[in-house]
Amino acid sequence: MGKLYLVPTPIGNLEDMTFRAIRILKEVDAVLAEDTRTTLKLFQKFEISNKLIAHHLNNEHKTVDRIIGELQSGLNFALVSDAGTPAISDPGFLLVRACVQHGIEVDCLPGPTAFVPALVNSGFPCEKFVYEGFLPTKKGRQTRIMKIAEEERTVVLYESPHRILKALAQFQEHFDPERQISISREISKKFEETVRGTSAELIEYFTNNPIKGEFVVVIDGKTK
């Protein structure tokens, strides 16, 4: 039996790459990558010359069985996403589940994940929280937001720059007007920032400031 390694990659600053992650990417038989072009840049930075295989949301259903067969034959693979830890709002879950079902060892290395620094930087309670990933873009979006409105634990979610103002407007519609929200973007990059306030205050801020990068939204729990 081979082994599957889940290798986190930097969400911004390439110095966040660990020595172990670099070693694993060099030693495995091949690296499964969400976008081979993005991963190639990482390889060039750390002088990694290994085989890259595309493994993303559009093909993972078709490739899982083949990869399982190769792992069973004794090959070792690493799985990387474009940034952060694989399977956290990125491809990886299907392959990990298949490995578990077939008795193949999985080793997830510790490393970068965008929501952890955003949660800690928010100043909201961290001992209990709910991770929502990306909100639905259409069907089910309002229902999910209405559930979040009633959630008493801290809530963490991701949102794209194209929908952040829409999300804040929906929060303003369904949340208590004083409910606090913390938004972090460009984490670990040059223009990293965290902005805190109510829905109305954040709408005003992002209406008057550039909306760039991926957003991590942290919402304080509903007051009992």
Protein backbone atom coordinates (compact mmCIF):
# COMPACT_ATOMS: atom_id res chain seq x y z
CA MET A 1 0.00 0.00 0.00
CA GLY A 2 1.12 3.51 -0.76
CA LYS A 3 0.24 6.60 1.23
CA LEU A 4 -1.62 9.83 0.53
CA TYR A 5 -0.20 13.06 1.96
CA LEU A 6 -2.34 16.19 2.17
CA VAL A 7 0.13 19.06 1.96
CA PRO A 8 -0.99 22.60 2.85
CA THR A 9 0.51 25.37 0.74
CA PRO A 10 0.84 29.09 1.54
CA ILE A 11 -2.27 31.28 1.27
CA GLY A 12 -0.07 34.27 0.56
CA ASN A 13 3.46 34.57 1.90
CA LEU A 14 5.56 31.73 0.47
CA GLU A 15 7.70 31.77 3.63
CA ASP A 16 4.81 29.94 5.34
CA MET A 17 5.84 26.76 3.51
CA THR A 18 7.28 24.21 5.97
CA PHE A 19 10.48 22.20 5.57
CA ARG A 20 8.48 18.99 5.88
CA ALA A 21 6.00 20.03 3.20
CA ILE A 22 8.84 20.73 0.77
CA ARG A 23 10.47 17.38 1.55
CA ILE A 24 7.24 15.43 1.03
CA LEU A 25 6.56 17.15 -2.31
CA LYS A 26 10.04 16.12 -3.45
CA GLU A 27 9.86 12.53 -2.21
CA VAL A 28 6.42 11.29 -3.33
CA ASP A 29 5.92 9.56 -6.68
CA ALA A 30 3.65 12.34 -7.97
CA VAL A 31 1.74 15.42 -6.79
CA LEU A 32 -1.99 15.85 -7.38
CA ALA A 33 -2.68 19.55 -7.90
CA GLU A 34 -5.85 21.63 -8.12
CA ASP A 35 -4.18 23.82 -10.76
CA THR A 36 -0.84 22.57 -12.09
CA ARG A 37 0.11 26.05 -13.27
CA THR A 38 -0.26 27.50 -9.77
CA THR A 39 1.61 24.61 -8.18
CA LEU A 40 4.39 24.87 -10.77
CA LYS A 41 5.19 28.37 -9.50
CA LEU A 42 5.53 26.93 -5.99
CA PHE A 43 7.76 24.16 -7.34
CA GLN A 44 10.01 26.69 -9.05
CA LYS A 45 10.33 28.71 -5.85
CA PHE A 46 11.45 25.69 -3.79
CA GLU A 47 13.31 23.82 -6.56
CA ILE A 48 10.88 20.90 -6.64
CA SER A 49 10.95 18.84 -9.83
CA ASN A 50 8.24 16.25 -9.46
CA LYS A 51 5.43 14.96 -11.66
CA LEU A 52 2.22 17.03 -11.48
CA ILE A 53 -1.22 15.51 -12.09
CA ALA A 54 -4.36 17.65 -12.37
CA HIS A 55 -6.91 16.80 -9.65
CA HIS A 56 -9.71 19.34 -9.32
CA LEU A 57 -13.46 19.70 -8.83
CA ASN A 58 -14.17 19.04 -12.50
CA ASN A 59 -12.34 15.73 -12.76
CA GLU A 60 -12.00 14.27 -9.25
CA HIS A 61 -15.06 11.99 -9.63
CA LYS A 62 -13.43 10.42 -12.69
CA THR A 63 -9.89 10.10 -11.34
CA VAL A 64 -10.44 8.80 -7.80
CA ASP A 65 -10.66 5.12 -8.76
CA ARG A 66 -7.47 5.30 -10.81
CA ILE A 67 -5.57 7.06 -8.03
CA ILE A 68 -6.79 4.51 -5.48
CA GLY A 69 -5.52 1.72 -7.72
CA GLU A 70 -2.11 3.34 -7.97
CA LEU A 71 -1.95 3.89 -4.21
CA GLN A 72 -2.85 0.23 -3.70
CA SER A 73 0.02 -0.72 -6.02
CA GLY A 74 2.47 1.02 -3.67
CA LEU A 75 2.80 4.53 -5.10
CA ASN A 76 2.81 7.53 -2.75
CA PHE A 77 0.96 10.72 -3.70
CA ALA A 78 0.76 14.23 -2.29
CA LEU A 79 -2.38 16.32 -2.75
CA VAL A 80 -2.22 20.12 -2.86
CA SER A 81 -4.77 22.84 -3.53
CA ASP A 82 -4.00 26.27 -4.96
CA ALA A 83 -3.63 27.65 -1.44
CA GLY A 84 -4.23 26.43 2.10
CA THR A 85 -5.15 22.95 3.27
CA PRO A 86 -6.71 20.53 0.76
CA ALA A 87 -10.36 19.52 1.32
CA ILE A 88 -11.17 22.76 3.21
CA SER A 89 -13.48 24.33 0.61
CA ASP A 90 -11.17 22.75 -1.98
CA PRO A 91 -10.86 19.34 -3.69
CA GLY A 92 -9.76 16.46 -1.50
CA PHE A 93 -12.71 15.07 0.44
CA LEU A 94 -13.67 12.45 -2.15
CA LEU A 95 -10.14 11.09 -2.39
CA VAL A 96 -9.60 11.03 1.37
CA ARG A 97 -12.91 9.22 1.89
CA ALA A 98 -11.99 6.65 -0.77
CA CYS A 99 -8.59 6.10 0.89
CA VAL A 100 -10.24 5.50 4.26
CA GLN A 101 -12.70 3.06 2.70
CA HIS A 102 -9.87 1.08 1.08
CA GLY A 103 -7.59 1.07 4.12
CA ILE A 104 -5.01 3.41 2.58
CA GLU A 105 -3.09 5.57 5.05
CA VAL A 106 -3.72 9.33 4.90
CA ASP A 107 -1.39 11.89 6.48
CA CYS A 108 -2.54 15.52 6.59
CA LEU A 109 0.35 17.84 7.38
CA PRO A 110 -0.36 20.88 9.57
CA GLY A 111 -0.14 24.20 7.80
CA PRO A 112 -1.90 27.27 6.39
CA THR A 113 -5.69 27.59 6.50
CA ALA A 114 -7.23 31.01 5.93
CA PHE A 115 -10.05 30.84 8.45
CA VAL A 116 -7.83 30.20 11.50
CA PRO A 117 -5.95 33.55 11.52
CA ALA A 118 -9.17 35.36 10.59
CA LEU A 119 -11.01 33.75 13.50
CA VAL A 120 -8.25 34.55 15.99
CA ASN A 121 -7.88 38.13 14.70
CA SER A 122 -11.63 38.76 15.02
CA GLY A 123 -11.56 39.02 18.78
CA PHE A 124 -14.71 36.87 18.97
CA PRO A 125 -14.91 33.70 21.11
CA CYS A 126 -12.82 30.91 19.53
CA GLU A 127 -13.48 27.98 21.86
CA LYS A 128 -16.65 27.09 19.93
CA PHE A 129 -17.35 28.12 16.36
CA VAL A 130 -19.18 27.02 13.21
CA TYR A 131 -17.41 26.80 9.85
CA GLU A 132 -19.82 27.42 6.95
CA GLY A 133 -17.42 27.46 3.99
CA PHE A 134 -18.86 29.38 1.03
CA LEU A 135 -22.48 30.49 1.16
CA PRO A 136 -24.66 29.13 -1.67
CA THR A 137 -24.59 31.54 -4.59
CA LYS A 138 -28.31 31.19 -5.35
CA LYS A 139 -30.59 28.39 -4.12
CA GLY A 140 -30.55 28.06 -0.35
CA ARG A 141 -28.53 31.21 0.28
CA GLN A 142 -31.21 33.14 2.18
CA THR A 143 -32.18 30.07 4.21
CA ARG A 144 -28.55 29.59 5.27
CA ILE A 145 -28.22 33.25 6.26
CA MET A 146 -31.40 33.07 8.33
CA LYS A 147 -29.94 30.09 10.21
CA ILE A 148 -26.70 31.96 10.82
CA ALA A 149 -28.76 34.84 12.21
CA GLU A 150 -29.89 32.52 15.02
CA GLU A 151 -26.49 30.91 15.66
CA GLU A 152 -25.12 31.65 19.15
CA ARG A 153 -21.60 30.43 18.34
CA THR A 154 -19.04 32.36 16.31
CA VAL A 155 -19.58 31.71 12.59
CA VAL A 156 -16.80 31.60 9.97
CA LEU A 157 -17.44 31.66 6.23
CA TYR A 158 -15.74 32.51 2.95
CA GLU A 159 -17.05 34.98 0.39
CA SER A 160 -15.82 36.18 -2.98
CA PRO A 161 -15.08 39.87 -3.69
CA HIS A 162 -17.95 39.85 -6.19
CA ARG A 163 -20.53 38.93 -3.55
CA ILE A 164 -19.23 40.50 -0.34
CA LEU A 165 -21.47 43.58 -0.54
CA LYS A 166 -24.48 41.39 -1.37
CA ALA A 167 -23.70 39.22 1.66
CA LEU A 168 -23.39 42.24 3.95
CA ALA A 169 -26.70 43.62 2.68
CA GLN A 170 -28.36 40.28 3.45
CA PHE A 171 -26.77 40.23 6.91
CA GLN A 172 -28.12 43.72 7.51
CA GLU A 173 -31.59 42.50 6.55
CA HIS A 174 -31.62 39.46 8.87
CA PHE A 175 -29.16 40.21 11.71
CA ASP A 176 -29.55 42.34 14.81
CA PRO A 177 -28.29 45.79 13.72
CA GLU A 178 -25.56 45.75 16.41
CA ARG A 179 -24.25 42.26 15.58
CA GLN A 180 -20.49 42.48 15.13
CA ILE A 181 -18.66 41.14 12.07
CA SER A 182 -14.94 40.88 11.33
CA ILE A 183 -13.71 40.62 7.75
CA SER A 184 -10.16 39.62 6.85
CA ARG A 185 -8.72 39.64 3.35
CA GLU A 186 -5.35 39.11 1.68
CA ILE A 187 -4.20 37.14 4.73
CA SER A 188 -0.38 36.95 5.00
CA LYS A 189 0.01 39.14 1.91
CA LYS A 190 1.33 42.70 1.55
CA PHE A 191 -2.09 44.38 1.75
CA GLU A 192 -3.58 42.18 4.46
CA GLU A 193 -6.29 43.87 6.49
CA THR A 194 -8.99 43.06 9.03
CA VAL A 195 -12.02 45.35 9.31
CA ARG A 196 -14.57 45.07 12.12
CA GLY A 197 -18.01 46.56 12.63
CA THR A 198 -21.72 46.10 12.05
CA SER A 199 -23.18 45.14 8.68
CA ALA A 200 -24.01 48.80 7.98
CA GLU A 201 -20.52 50.00 8.93
CA LEU A 202 -18.84 47.36 6.76
CA ILE A 203 -21.10 48.15 3.80
CA GLU A 204 -20.01 51.77 4.06
CA TYR A 205 -16.34 50.77 4.33
CA PHE A 206 -16.29 48.42 1.35
CA THR A 207 -18.39 50.77 -0.75
CA ASN A 208 -15.62 53.35 -0.39
CA ASN A 209 -12.56 51.09 -0.47
CA PRO A 210 -11.18 48.61 -3.02
CA ILE A 211 -12.71 45.13 -2.89
CA LYS A 212 -9.87 42.75 -3.78
CA GLY A 213 -8.76 39.30 -2.66
CA GLU A 214 -10.62 36.46 -1.00
CA PHE A 215 -12.66 37.33 2.07
CA VAL A 216 -12.97 35.46 5.36
CA VAL A 217 -16.04 36.65 7.25
CA VAL A 218 -16.27 36.02 11.00
CA ILE A 219 -19.62 36.73 12.68
CA ASP A 220 -20.05 37.08 16.42
CA GLY A 221 -22.63 34.72 17.89
CA LYS A 222 -26.18 35.91 18.51
CA THR A 223 -26.62 37.36 21.98
CA LYS A 224 -28.80 35.13 24.15
